[in-house]
Structure formats: structure tokens, C-alpha cells
Amino acid sequence: MDLGYARVSTTKQDLDRQIMALEAADIPPERIYVDKKSGATTNRPGLQAAMSFARHGDVIVIHTLDRLGRTVRDTLNLIHDLAERGVGIRTLADPIKVDSANPDDPMAQLAVVLLALFAQMERTYSLERAAGARAAATAKGRRIGRPTVVDPDKLAYAAHLRDTGSTIAEIVTKTGITRTSLYRHLPPRPAAQVTAAEHELHAPPTTEA
């Protein structure tokens, strides 16, 4: 079975182009999972729902590979994890098509190999940047190390206050957790899972000329 996945980074962007491409690939709306989330966040309920639903032999189809992962390395790990479950990934519009469900297609497999190369390059550059930042911070006398751990009980209380309508300023006063720590550690609000079928139900009506 083919499943679709579409993502845009903000609620102001439009999913319709990706959904239309997936529907043109014969994937019905009720099997297209969607997110309006930045790729930088791990809180992507649509993707998690698609991955949970997928079974051995299924393929998750996406418009382009950047819709899938936060980074090249994250995307590669995701493809590998799905492959171990017998679930493939196929793209529709990338210059080099990715189809991890088709081991006999050399170009599709080349795309996965290139991803591995880019992931290694990204990791190397990231380590070099981190080492440079640490050296610069040390030279300026700044503290280096793991951030202070926030008390889990206080964090849970802060989340309760947030969910019951308290402002950040009120939460800071009541919990003693700094504003910066709240933004860093406070769990995101849960987002409702949605498929393209539900997306169409909530879309504004169109008018004919």
C-alpha cells in the first residue's frame, strides 16, 4: 500500500500542491498524512502517524525528500529504520528519484548512497563548527558544558500552568524557572493528527467565477 506524506513549515503555507501531486500518484486523501510543522522540530504528528500505520511492504510517498527529515542525517536514519521494517520511501519530484522500496533500480539506490555521503560531510562540518565555537567561548572565559537540568516536577507544574492559561511571566514567578529555560524545556502543545481528507474538510470554500 502507498501512503502519502506532505509537510509545510508554517500554518500560513499551503499543502495543496503536495497533496495534489500525491493524489495524482493514486494515493487517496485518507491515506495522505500532513503536518504544518517546521522540519527542525521532532513534534510531527502526521509523520509519526504515517510511520505507525505503515506495514511491511508499504511505501511512504513524499513530494521531495526535504519534506521528510530535519537534516540529511536524520532523513537517512529514517529511511534506514523504515527499511528494516520493510517499509520503503519514494519521492515524486526530486532531480534524482529516491525509491528505497526498489532495490533493483540503480539510480534510486545511488540517491541513498549520496545521502550517506552528504550525511557524513554534514557531521564533519558540524563537529568542526562545534569545536570552533567551544574554543572561542573558552577564549572569552565563557562557561562550557551541559545546561542546567530543570526539576521535572517544576517543569510538569509549568506545563500545567501553561495549559490552563497562565502567561510565561506568571509561570516564571510561580515556578522560579527562568524564561529561557521554559522556552528550551517546556514540552510543545500537543497537535491534532490530520490527514489530507480532513484538510479538505477544513479548507475554505472556493467560489466560481
N, C-alpha and C. Protein backbone atom coordinates (compact mmCIF):
# COMPACT_ATOMS: atom_id res chain seq x y z
N MET A 1 0.84 -1.19 0.00
CA MET A 1 0.00 0.00 0.00
C MET A 1 0.88 1.25 0.00
N ASP A 2 0.51 2.23 -0.81
CA ASP A 2 1.20 3.52 -0.81
C ASP A 2 0.52 4.47 0.17
N LEU A 3 1.33 5.12 1.00
CA LEU A 3 0.86 6.16 1.92
C LEU A 3 1.53 7.46 1.52
N GLY A 4 0.83 8.57 1.65
CA GLY A 4 1.42 9.86 1.31
C GLY A 4 1.77 10.67 2.55
N TYR A 5 2.78 11.53 2.41
CA TYR A 5 3.11 12.45 3.49
C TYR A 5 3.45 13.81 2.88
N ALA A 6 2.84 14.86 3.43
CA ALA A 6 3.08 16.22 2.96
C ALA A 6 3.35 17.11 4.17
N ARG A 7 4.26 18.08 4.01
CA ARG A 7 4.57 18.99 5.12
C ARG A 7 4.91 20.36 4.58
N VAL A 8 4.40 21.37 5.28
CA VAL A 8 4.85 22.75 5.09
C VAL A 8 5.34 23.26 6.43
N SER A 9 6.16 24.32 6.42
CA SER A 9 6.84 24.75 7.64
C SER A 9 5.97 25.59 8.55
N THR A 10 4.98 26.30 8.01
CA THR A 10 4.15 27.18 8.84
C THR A 10 2.69 27.00 8.46
N THR A 11 1.82 27.45 9.36
CA THR A 11 0.38 27.34 9.10
C THR A 11 -0.06 28.26 7.97
N LYS A 12 0.78 29.24 7.59
CA LYS A 12 0.41 30.16 6.52
C LYS A 12 0.71 29.58 5.14
N GLN A 13 1.52 28.52 5.08
CA GLN A 13 1.85 27.91 3.81
C GLN A 13 0.77 26.91 3.41
N ASP A 14 0.75 26.57 2.12
CA ASP A 14 -0.33 25.78 1.56
C ASP A 14 0.15 24.36 1.24
N LEU A 15 -0.61 23.39 1.72
CA LEU A 15 -0.30 21.98 1.47
C LEU A 15 -0.83 21.48 0.13
N ASP A 16 -1.66 22.27 -0.53
CA ASP A 16 -2.43 21.76 -1.66
C ASP A 16 -1.56 21.23 -2.80
N ARG A 17 -0.43 21.91 -3.10
CA ARG A 17 0.40 21.46 -4.24
C ARG A 17 0.94 20.06 -3.98
N GLN A 18 1.41 19.82 -2.76
CA GLN A 18 1.94 18.49 -2.44
C GLN A 18 0.82 17.45 -2.44
N ILE A 19 -0.33 17.82 -1.88
CA ILE A 19 -1.44 16.88 -1.82
C ILE A 19 -1.92 16.51 -3.23
N MET A 20 -1.99 17.50 -4.12
CA MET A 20 -2.42 17.23 -5.49
C MET A 20 -1.45 16.28 -6.19
N ALA A 21 -0.14 16.46 -5.95
CA ALA A 21 0.85 15.58 -6.56
C ALA A 21 0.70 14.15 -6.03
N LEU A 22 0.43 14.02 -4.74
CA LEU A 22 0.25 12.69 -4.15
C LEU A 22 -1.04 12.04 -4.66
N GLU A 23 -2.08 12.82 -4.79
CA GLU A 23 -3.33 12.28 -5.32
C GLU A 23 -3.16 11.86 -6.78
N ALA A 24 -2.35 12.62 -7.54
CA ALA A 24 -2.07 12.26 -8.93
C ALA A 24 -1.29 10.95 -9.02
N ALA A 25 -0.61 10.60 -7.92
CA ALA A 25 0.11 9.32 -7.84
C ALA A 25 -0.80 8.22 -7.30
N ASP A 26 -2.11 8.46 -7.34
CA ASP A 26 -3.14 7.47 -6.97
C ASP A 26 -3.17 7.16 -5.47
N ILE A 27 -2.86 8.16 -4.65
CA ILE A 27 -2.97 7.99 -3.20
C ILE A 27 -4.20 8.76 -2.74
N PRO A 28 -5.20 8.10 -2.16
CA PRO A 28 -6.42 8.80 -1.75
C PRO A 28 -6.16 9.69 -0.54
N PRO A 29 -6.97 10.76 -0.37
CA PRO A 29 -6.76 11.72 0.73
C PRO A 29 -6.69 11.08 2.10
N GLU A 30 -7.49 10.03 2.32
CA GLU A 30 -7.48 9.43 3.67
C GLU A 30 -6.19 8.68 3.98
N ARG A 31 -5.33 8.48 2.97
CA ARG A 31 -4.04 7.85 3.22
C ARG A 31 -2.87 8.83 3.07
N ILE A 32 -3.19 10.13 3.02
CA ILE A 32 -2.15 11.16 2.95
C ILE A 32 -2.09 11.85 4.30
N TYR A 33 -0.96 11.75 4.97
CA TYR A 33 -0.76 12.35 6.29
C TYR A 33 -0.04 13.68 6.12
N VAL A 34 -0.45 14.67 6.90
CA VAL A 34 0.08 16.02 6.69
C VAL A 34 0.52 16.65 8.00
N ASP A 35 1.48 17.54 7.89
CA ASP A 35 1.94 18.35 9.01
C ASP A 35 2.14 19.79 8.56
N LYS A 36 1.77 20.71 9.42
CA LYS A 36 2.18 22.11 9.25
C LYS A 36 3.15 22.41 10.37
N LYS A 37 4.38 21.91 10.19
CA LYS A 37 5.42 21.98 11.21
C LYS A 37 6.76 22.24 10.54
N SER A 38 7.62 22.98 11.22
CA SER A 38 8.98 23.14 10.76
C SER A 38 9.69 21.79 10.76
N GLY A 39 10.56 21.57 9.77
CA GLY A 39 11.35 20.35 9.75
C GLY A 39 12.32 20.27 10.90
N ALA A 40 12.55 21.40 11.59
CA ALA A 40 13.50 21.42 12.70
C ALA A 40 12.92 20.83 13.97
N THR A 41 11.63 20.57 14.00
CA THR A 41 11.01 20.02 15.21
C THR A 41 10.75 18.53 15.05
N THR A 42 10.89 17.81 16.15
CA THR A 42 10.59 16.38 16.13
C THR A 42 9.11 16.12 16.37
N ASN A 43 8.36 17.16 16.72
CA ASN A 43 6.93 17.01 17.01
C ASN A 43 6.15 17.12 15.70
N ARG A 44 6.14 16.01 14.94
CA ARG A 44 5.43 15.99 13.65
C ARG A 44 4.42 14.84 13.69
N PRO A 45 3.24 15.12 14.22
CA PRO A 45 2.26 14.03 14.43
C PRO A 45 1.83 13.34 13.15
N GLY A 46 1.76 14.09 12.05
CA GLY A 46 1.36 13.46 10.78
C GLY A 46 2.37 12.41 10.35
N LEU A 47 3.65 12.74 10.43
CA LEU A 47 4.70 11.79 10.06
C LEU A 47 4.70 10.59 11.00
N GLN A 48 4.56 10.86 12.30
CA GLN A 48 4.54 9.76 13.26
C GLN A 48 3.35 8.83 12.99
N ALA A 49 2.20 9.41 12.62
CA ALA A 49 1.02 8.59 12.32
C ALA A 49 1.26 7.73 11.08
N ALA A 50 1.88 8.32 10.05
CA ALA A 50 2.16 7.56 8.82
C ALA A 50 3.11 6.41 9.12
N MET A 51 4.15 6.68 9.91
CA MET A 51 5.12 5.64 10.24
C MET A 51 4.49 4.54 11.10
N SER A 52 3.61 4.93 12.00
CA SER A 52 2.94 3.94 12.85
C SER A 52 1.98 3.06 12.04
N PHE A 53 1.34 3.66 11.04
CA PHE A 53 0.36 2.93 10.23
C PHE A 53 1.04 1.98 9.24
N ALA A 54 2.23 2.38 8.74
CA ALA A 54 2.90 1.63 7.68
C ALA A 54 3.24 0.21 8.13
N ARG A 55 3.01 -0.73 7.23
CA ARG A 55 3.32 -2.13 7.48
C ARG A 55 4.32 -2.64 6.44
N HIS A 56 4.87 -3.83 6.67
CA HIS A 56 5.84 -4.42 5.76
C HIS A 56 5.28 -4.44 4.34
N GLY A 57 6.05 -3.92 3.40
CA GLY A 57 5.62 -3.86 2.01
C GLY A 57 5.01 -2.54 1.61
N ASP A 58 4.67 -1.69 2.58
CA ASP A 58 4.10 -0.38 2.27
C ASP A 58 5.20 0.59 1.84
N VAL A 59 4.80 1.66 1.17
CA VAL A 59 5.73 2.71 0.72
C VAL A 59 5.16 4.07 1.13
N ILE A 60 5.99 4.89 1.78
CA ILE A 60 5.60 6.26 2.11
C ILE A 60 6.10 7.16 0.98
N VAL A 61 5.17 7.83 0.32
CA VAL A 61 5.49 8.66 -0.84
C VAL A 61 5.48 10.13 -0.41
N ILE A 62 6.53 10.86 -0.81
CA ILE A 62 6.63 12.28 -0.49
C ILE A 62 6.95 13.06 -1.77
N HIS A 63 6.64 14.35 -1.76
CA HIS A 63 6.89 15.17 -2.94
C HIS A 63 8.39 15.30 -3.19
N THR A 64 9.12 15.78 -2.19
CA THR A 64 10.58 15.85 -2.26
C THR A 64 11.15 15.41 -0.92
N LEU A 65 12.40 14.99 -0.93
CA LEU A 65 13.00 14.37 0.25
C LEU A 65 13.09 15.33 1.43
N ASP A 66 13.21 16.65 1.17
CA ASP A 66 13.36 17.59 2.28
C ASP A 66 12.08 17.70 3.12
N ARG A 67 10.96 17.15 2.62
CA ARG A 67 9.72 17.15 3.40
C ARG A 67 9.79 16.13 4.54
N LEU A 68 10.76 15.22 4.48
CA LEU A 68 10.76 14.08 5.40
C LEU A 68 11.53 14.34 6.68
N GLY A 69 12.78 14.82 6.58
CA GLY A 69 13.64 14.88 7.76
C GLY A 69 14.11 16.27 8.11
N ARG A 70 14.64 16.38 9.34
CA ARG A 70 15.17 17.67 9.82
C ARG A 70 16.51 17.97 9.18
N THR A 71 17.34 16.94 8.99
CA THR A 71 18.66 17.07 8.38
C THR A 71 18.86 15.89 7.45
N VAL A 72 19.92 15.94 6.66
CA VAL A 72 20.22 14.81 5.78
C VAL A 72 20.45 13.55 6.61
N ARG A 73 21.19 13.69 7.71
CA ARG A 73 21.47 12.54 8.56
C ARG A 73 20.18 11.98 9.16
N ASP A 74 19.31 12.88 9.61
CA ASP A 74 18.03 12.46 10.18
C ASP A 74 17.21 11.72 9.13
N THR A 75 17.21 12.24 7.91
CA THR A 75 16.46 11.61 6.82
C THR A 75 17.01 10.23 6.49
N LEU A 76 18.34 10.13 6.44
CA LEU A 76 18.98 8.86 6.13
C LEU A 76 18.67 7.82 7.20
N ASN A 77 18.72 8.23 8.46
CA ASN A 77 18.40 7.30 9.56
C ASN A 77 16.95 6.84 9.47
N LEU A 78 16.07 7.76 9.09
CA LEU A 78 14.66 7.42 8.98
C LEU A 78 14.44 6.40 7.86
N ILE A 79 15.10 6.61 6.71
CA ILE A 79 15.00 5.66 5.60
C ILE A 79 15.50 4.29 6.03
N HIS A 80 16.62 4.27 6.76
CA HIS A 80 17.20 3.00 7.22
C HIS A 80 16.27 2.29 8.19
N ASP A 81 15.72 3.04 9.15
CA ASP A 81 14.82 2.44 10.14
C ASP A 81 13.58 1.85 9.47
N LEU A 82 13.04 2.58 8.50
CA LEU A 82 11.85 2.09 7.79
C LEU A 82 12.20 0.86 6.96
N ALA A 83 13.39 0.88 6.33
CA ALA A 83 13.80 -0.27 5.50
C ALA A 83 13.90 -1.54 6.34
N GLU A 84 14.34 -1.40 7.59
CA GLU A 84 14.44 -2.57 8.46
C GLU A 84 13.06 -3.15 8.78
N ARG A 85 12.03 -2.32 8.68
CA ARG A 85 10.65 -2.79 8.88
C ARG A 85 10.01 -3.22 7.57
N GLY A 86 10.76 -3.13 6.46
CA GLY A 86 10.21 -3.48 5.16
C GLY A 86 9.35 -2.40 4.55
N VAL A 87 9.52 -1.14 5.02
CA VAL A 87 8.74 0.00 4.51
C VAL A 87 9.65 0.87 3.65
N GLY A 88 9.21 1.19 2.45
CA GLY A 88 10.02 1.98 1.53
C GLY A 88 9.67 3.45 1.55
N ILE A 89 10.56 4.26 0.94
CA ILE A 89 10.34 5.69 0.75
C ILE A 89 10.48 5.98 -0.75
N ARG A 90 9.54 6.74 -1.30
CA ARG A 90 9.63 7.14 -2.71
C ARG A 90 9.34 8.62 -2.83
N THR A 91 10.13 9.33 -3.64
CA THR A 91 9.89 10.75 -3.88
C THR A 91 9.32 10.94 -5.29
N LEU A 92 8.62 12.04 -5.48
CA LEU A 92 7.97 12.31 -6.75
C LEU A 92 8.70 13.35 -7.60
N ALA A 93 9.33 14.35 -6.96
CA ALA A 93 9.80 15.50 -7.73
C ALA A 93 11.29 15.80 -7.56
N ASP A 94 12.04 14.97 -6.88
CA ASP A 94 13.47 15.22 -6.75
C ASP A 94 14.18 14.98 -8.08
N PRO A 95 15.27 15.74 -8.37
CA PRO A 95 16.03 15.51 -9.62
C PRO A 95 16.53 14.07 -9.74
N ILE A 96 17.01 13.51 -8.61
CA ILE A 96 17.35 12.09 -8.56
C ILE A 96 16.29 11.42 -7.70
N LYS A 97 15.49 10.59 -8.32
CA LYS A 97 14.38 9.97 -7.59
C LYS A 97 14.90 9.00 -6.54
N VAL A 98 14.31 9.06 -5.38
CA VAL A 98 14.62 8.12 -4.30
C VAL A 98 13.51 7.08 -4.25
N ASP A 99 13.89 5.81 -4.26
CA ASP A 99 12.91 4.74 -4.13
C ASP A 99 13.57 3.59 -3.38
N SER A 100 13.56 3.68 -2.05
CA SER A 100 14.23 2.67 -1.24
C SER A 100 13.49 1.34 -1.27
N ALA A 101 12.27 1.35 -1.83
CA ALA A 101 11.50 0.11 -1.92
C ALA A 101 11.84 -0.66 -3.18
N ASN A 102 12.72 -0.11 -4.03
CA ASN A 102 13.06 -0.74 -5.30
C ASN A 102 14.56 -1.00 -5.37
N PRO A 103 15.04 -2.09 -4.77
CA PRO A 103 16.48 -2.35 -4.74
C PRO A 103 17.09 -2.63 -6.10
N ASP A 104 16.26 -2.87 -7.12
CA ASP A 104 16.79 -3.18 -8.45
C ASP A 104 17.01 -1.93 -9.31
N ASP A 105 16.64 -0.76 -8.80
CA ASP A 105 16.82 0.49 -9.54
C ASP A 105 18.14 1.13 -9.11
N PRO A 106 19.18 1.10 -9.96
CA PRO A 106 20.49 1.61 -9.53
C PRO A 106 20.48 3.10 -9.25
N MET A 107 19.71 3.88 -9.99
CA MET A 107 19.68 5.33 -9.76
C MET A 107 19.01 5.64 -8.42
N ALA A 108 17.96 4.90 -8.10
CA ALA A 108 17.29 5.11 -6.82
C ALA A 108 18.23 4.78 -5.67
N GLN A 109 19.00 3.70 -5.80
CA GLN A 109 19.94 3.34 -4.75
C GLN A 109 21.11 4.31 -4.69
N LEU A 110 21.52 4.86 -5.85
CA LEU A 110 22.57 5.87 -5.86
C LEU A 110 22.15 7.09 -5.04
N ALA A 111 20.89 7.46 -5.13
CA ALA A 111 20.42 8.61 -4.37
C ALA A 111 20.59 8.37 -2.87
N VAL A 112 20.34 7.14 -2.41
CA VAL A 112 20.51 6.83 -1.00
C VAL A 112 21.98 6.87 -0.61
N VAL A 113 22.86 6.38 -1.51
CA VAL A 113 24.31 6.43 -1.25
C VAL A 113 24.78 7.88 -1.16
N LEU A 114 24.28 8.74 -2.05
CA LEU A 114 24.65 10.15 -1.99
C LEU A 114 24.19 10.78 -0.68
N LEU A 115 23.02 10.37 -0.22
CA LEU A 115 22.55 10.87 1.08
C LEU A 115 23.53 10.49 2.19
N ALA A 116 24.05 9.27 2.13
CA ALA A 116 25.01 8.83 3.14
C ALA A 116 26.27 9.68 3.09
N LEU A 117 26.73 9.99 1.90
CA LEU A 117 27.92 10.83 1.75
C LEU A 117 27.67 12.22 2.31
N PHE A 118 26.54 12.80 1.95
CA PHE A 118 26.21 14.14 2.44
C PHE A 118 26.05 14.15 3.96
N ALA A 119 25.51 13.06 4.51
CA ALA A 119 25.34 12.98 5.96
C ALA A 119 26.70 13.00 6.66
N GLN A 120 27.66 12.26 6.10
CA GLN A 120 28.99 12.25 6.70
C GLN A 120 29.65 13.62 6.62
N MET A 121 29.48 14.28 5.46
CA MET A 121 30.04 15.63 5.31
C MET A 121 29.40 16.59 6.31
N GLU A 122 28.09 16.49 6.45
CA GLU A 122 27.37 17.36 7.38
C GLU A 122 27.86 17.13 8.81
N ARG A 123 28.06 15.87 9.18
CA ARG A 123 28.53 15.55 10.53
C ARG A 123 29.92 16.12 10.77
N THR A 124 30.81 15.98 9.77
CA THR A 124 32.17 16.50 9.90
C THR A 124 32.16 18.01 10.09
N TYR A 125 31.40 18.70 9.24
CA TYR A 125 31.33 20.17 9.34
C TYR A 125 30.71 20.60 10.66
N SER A 126 29.70 19.85 11.12
CA SER A 126 29.05 20.20 12.39
C SER A 126 30.02 20.07 13.55
N LEU A 127 30.83 18.99 13.56
CA LEU A 127 31.81 18.81 14.62
C LEU A 127 32.86 19.91 14.59
N GLU A 128 33.28 20.30 13.38
CA GLU A 128 34.27 21.37 13.26
C GLU A 128 33.70 22.70 13.77
N ARG A 129 32.45 22.99 13.43
CA ARG A 129 31.84 24.23 13.91
C ARG A 129 31.69 24.23 15.42
N ALA A 130 31.29 23.07 15.98
CA ALA A 130 31.12 22.98 17.43
C ALA A 130 32.46 23.16 18.14
N ALA A 131 33.53 22.56 17.59
CA ALA A 131 34.86 22.69 18.20
C ALA A 131 35.32 24.14 18.14
N GLY A 132 35.07 24.80 17.02
CA GLY A 132 35.44 26.21 16.90
C GLY A 132 34.68 27.09 17.87
N ALA A 133 33.38 26.79 18.05
CA ALA A 133 32.57 27.59 18.98
C ALA A 133 33.05 27.39 20.41
N ARG A 134 33.40 26.14 20.78
CA ARG A 134 33.90 25.89 22.13
C ARG A 134 35.22 26.60 22.38
N ALA A 135 36.10 26.58 21.38
CA ALA A 135 37.39 27.25 21.54
C ALA A 135 37.20 28.75 21.71
N ALA A 136 36.28 29.33 20.92
CA ALA A 136 36.04 30.76 21.01
C ALA A 136 35.43 31.12 22.36
N ALA A 137 34.51 30.28 22.86
CA ALA A 137 33.88 30.55 24.15
C ALA A 137 34.89 30.44 25.29
N THR A 138 35.76 29.44 25.20
CA THR A 138 36.78 29.28 26.23
C THR A 138 37.72 30.47 26.27
N ALA A 139 38.09 30.95 25.07
CA ALA A 139 39.00 32.10 25.00
C ALA A 139 38.39 33.35 25.61
N LYS A 140 37.05 33.45 25.58
CA LYS A 140 36.38 34.62 26.15
C LYS A 140 35.96 34.39 27.60
N GLY A 141 36.33 33.25 28.17
CA GLY A 141 36.03 32.98 29.56
C GLY A 141 34.61 32.55 29.83
N ARG A 142 33.90 32.12 28.80
CA ARG A 142 32.52 31.68 29.00
C ARG A 142 32.48 30.24 29.49
N ARG A 143 31.45 29.93 30.25
CA ARG A 143 31.28 28.58 30.77
C ARG A 143 30.85 27.64 29.66
N ILE A 144 31.48 26.46 29.62
CA ILE A 144 31.14 25.46 28.62
C ILE A 144 30.67 24.21 29.34
N GLY A 145 29.65 23.59 28.85
CA GLY A 145 29.17 22.35 29.47
C GLY A 145 27.69 22.18 29.25
N ARG A 146 27.14 21.13 29.84
CA ARG A 146 25.72 20.85 29.68
C ARG A 146 24.89 21.91 30.39
N PRO A 147 23.75 22.28 29.84
CA PRO A 147 22.90 23.27 30.50
C PRO A 147 22.35 22.73 31.82
N THR A 148 21.97 23.64 32.70
CA THR A 148 21.40 23.26 33.99
C THR A 148 20.12 22.45 33.76
N VAL A 149 20.00 21.34 34.51
CA VAL A 149 18.82 20.48 34.38
C VAL A 149 17.67 21.10 35.17
N VAL A 150 16.51 21.19 34.54
CA VAL A 150 15.33 21.74 35.20
C VAL A 150 14.63 20.63 35.97
N ASP A 151 14.19 20.93 37.17
CA ASP A 151 13.48 19.97 38.03
C ASP A 151 12.24 19.47 37.27
N PRO A 152 12.11 18.15 37.03
CA PRO A 152 10.96 17.62 36.27
C PRO A 152 9.62 17.97 36.88
N ASP A 153 9.56 17.99 38.24
CA ASP A 153 8.29 18.33 38.89
C ASP A 153 7.90 19.78 38.62
N LYS A 154 8.90 20.67 38.66
CA LYS A 154 8.63 22.08 38.36
C LYS A 154 8.23 22.25 36.90
N LEU A 155 8.88 21.48 36.03
CA LEU A 155 8.56 21.57 34.60
C LEU A 155 7.14 21.08 34.34
N ALA A 156 6.73 19.99 35.00
CA ALA A 156 5.37 19.49 34.85
C ALA A 156 4.36 20.52 35.35
N TYR A 157 4.70 21.17 36.48
CA TYR A 157 3.82 22.22 37.01
C TYR A 157 3.74 23.39 36.04
N ALA A 158 4.87 23.74 35.43
CA ALA A 158 4.89 24.83 34.45
C ALA A 158 4.02 24.49 33.25
N ALA A 159 4.09 23.24 32.78
CA ALA A 159 3.26 22.82 31.65
C ALA A 159 1.78 22.89 32.03
N HIS A 160 1.45 22.49 33.26
CA HIS A 160 0.06 22.59 33.73
C HIS A 160 -0.41 24.04 33.75
N LEU A 161 0.44 24.94 34.23
CA LEU A 161 0.08 26.35 34.27
C LEU A 161 -0.12 26.89 32.86
N ARG A 162 0.78 26.52 31.94
CA ARG A 162 0.66 26.97 30.56
C ARG A 162 -0.64 26.49 29.93
N ASP A 163 -0.97 25.22 30.17
CA ASP A 163 -2.16 24.63 29.55
C ASP A 163 -3.46 25.15 30.16
N THR A 164 -3.37 25.73 31.36
CA THR A 164 -4.58 26.29 32.00
C THR A 164 -4.66 27.80 31.85
N GLY A 165 -3.80 28.35 30.97
CA GLY A 165 -3.96 29.75 30.60
C GLY A 165 -3.00 30.74 31.20
N SER A 166 -2.04 30.30 32.01
CA SER A 166 -1.08 31.24 32.61
C SER A 166 -0.12 31.77 31.55
N THR A 167 0.31 33.01 31.72
CA THR A 167 1.30 33.59 30.82
C THR A 167 2.69 33.12 31.23
N ILE A 168 3.66 33.32 30.33
CA ILE A 168 5.03 32.94 30.63
C ILE A 168 5.53 33.69 31.86
N ALA A 169 5.21 34.98 31.96
CA ALA A 169 5.65 35.78 33.11
C ALA A 169 5.09 35.20 34.41
N GLU A 170 3.83 34.78 34.39
CA GLU A 170 3.21 34.19 35.59
C GLU A 170 3.86 32.86 35.94
N ILE A 171 4.19 32.08 34.91
CA ILE A 171 4.83 30.78 35.14
C ILE A 171 6.22 30.98 35.75
N VAL A 172 6.96 31.96 35.25
CA VAL A 172 8.29 32.26 35.80
C VAL A 172 8.18 32.59 37.28
N THR A 173 7.20 33.43 37.64
CA THR A 173 7.02 33.84 39.03
C THR A 173 6.64 32.66 39.93
N LYS A 174 5.75 31.79 39.44
CA LYS A 174 5.24 30.71 40.27
C LYS A 174 6.20 29.52 40.39
N THR A 175 7.04 29.31 39.36
CA THR A 175 7.90 28.12 39.37
C THR A 175 9.36 28.44 39.67
N GLY A 176 9.77 29.69 39.42
CA GLY A 176 11.18 30.03 39.59
C GLY A 176 12.05 29.60 38.43
N ILE A 177 11.46 29.00 37.40
CA ILE A 177 12.21 28.62 36.20
C ILE A 177 12.39 29.86 35.33
N THR A 178 13.58 30.08 34.82
CA THR A 178 13.83 31.26 34.00
C THR A 178 13.06 31.16 32.69
N ARG A 179 12.83 32.31 32.10
CA ARG A 179 12.10 32.35 30.82
C ARG A 179 12.84 31.54 29.74
N THR A 180 14.17 31.69 29.70
CA THR A 180 14.96 30.97 28.69
C THR A 180 14.83 29.47 28.87
N SER A 181 14.88 29.01 30.13
CA SER A 181 14.76 27.57 30.39
C SER A 181 13.36 27.06 30.04
N LEU A 182 12.35 27.89 30.26
CA LEU A 182 10.99 27.48 29.89
C LEU A 182 10.88 27.27 28.39
N TYR A 183 11.41 28.23 27.62
CA TYR A 183 11.33 28.09 26.16
C TYR A 183 12.12 26.87 25.68
N ARG A 184 13.21 26.54 26.40
CA ARG A 184 14.05 25.42 25.97
C ARG A 184 13.46 24.08 26.35
N HIS A 185 12.86 24.00 27.55
CA HIS A 185 12.47 22.69 28.08
C HIS A 185 10.97 22.43 28.12
N LEU A 186 10.14 23.46 28.03
CA LEU A 186 8.70 23.23 28.15
C LEU A 186 8.21 22.40 26.96
N PRO A 187 7.53 21.28 27.19
CA PRO A 187 7.06 20.45 26.08
C PRO A 187 6.10 21.24 25.19
N PRO A 188 6.15 21.01 23.86
CA PRO A 188 5.21 21.71 22.98
C PRO A 188 3.78 21.26 23.22
N ARG A 189 2.85 22.13 22.87
CA ARG A 189 1.44 21.76 22.99
C ARG A 189 1.15 20.61 22.02
N PRO A 190 0.34 19.63 22.42
CA PRO A 190 0.02 18.52 21.51
C PRO A 190 -0.75 19.03 20.29
N ALA A 191 -0.39 18.48 19.13
CA ALA A 191 -1.06 18.87 17.89
C ALA A 191 -1.94 17.73 17.40
N ALA A 192 -3.10 18.07 16.88
CA ALA A 192 -4.02 17.04 16.40
C ALA A 192 -3.47 16.42 15.12
N GLN A 193 -3.57 15.10 15.00
CA GLN A 193 -3.16 14.44 13.78
C GLN A 193 -4.19 14.72 12.71
N VAL A 194 -3.72 14.87 11.49
CA VAL A 194 -4.63 15.23 10.41
C VAL A 194 -4.17 14.56 9.13
N THR A 195 -5.13 14.11 8.34
CA THR A 195 -4.84 13.58 7.01
C THR A 195 -5.34 14.58 5.98
N ALA A 196 -4.99 14.32 4.73
CA ALA A 196 -5.42 15.23 3.67
C ALA A 196 -6.94 15.27 3.55
N ALA A 197 -7.60 14.16 3.86
CA ALA A 197 -9.06 14.14 3.81
C ALA A 197 -9.64 15.15 4.79
N GLU A 198 -9.07 15.21 6.00
CA GLU A 198 -9.54 16.18 6.98
C GLU A 198 -9.13 17.59 6.60
N HIS A 199 -7.96 17.71 5.96
CA HIS A 199 -7.50 19.02 5.49
C HIS A 199 -8.51 19.61 4.52
N GLU A 200 -9.06 18.76 3.63
CA GLU A 200 -10.04 19.24 2.65
C GLU A 200 -11.34 19.66 3.34
N LEU A 201 -11.69 18.96 4.42
CA LEU A 201 -12.92 19.32 5.13
C LEU A 201 -12.83 20.70 5.74
N HIS A 202 -11.61 21.10 6.17
CA HIS A 202 -11.44 22.39 6.84
C HIS A 202 -10.99 23.49 5.89
N ALA A 203 -10.78 23.16 4.62
CA ALA A 203 -10.34 24.17 3.66
C ALA A 203 -11.46 25.15 3.39
N PRO A 204 -11.11 26.46 3.15
CA PRO A 204 -12.17 27.44 2.87
C PRO A 204 -12.85 27.14 1.55
N PRO A 205 -14.14 27.42 1.45
CA PRO A 205 -14.87 27.13 0.19
C PRO A 205 -14.35 27.98 -0.95
N THR A 206 -14.34 27.39 -2.16
CA THR A 206 -13.91 28.14 -3.34
C THR A 206 -15.12 28.69 -4.05
N THR A 207 -14.94 29.80 -4.72
CA THR A 207 -16.03 30.45 -5.46
C THR A 207 -15.78 30.33 -6.95
N GLU A 208 -16.80 30.11 -7.72
CA GLU A 208 -16.65 30.02 -9.16
C GLU A 208 -16.84 31.40 -9.77
N ALA A 209 -16.07 31.65 -10.82
CA ALA A 209 -16.15 32.95 -11.50
C ALA A 209 -17.45 33.04 -12.28
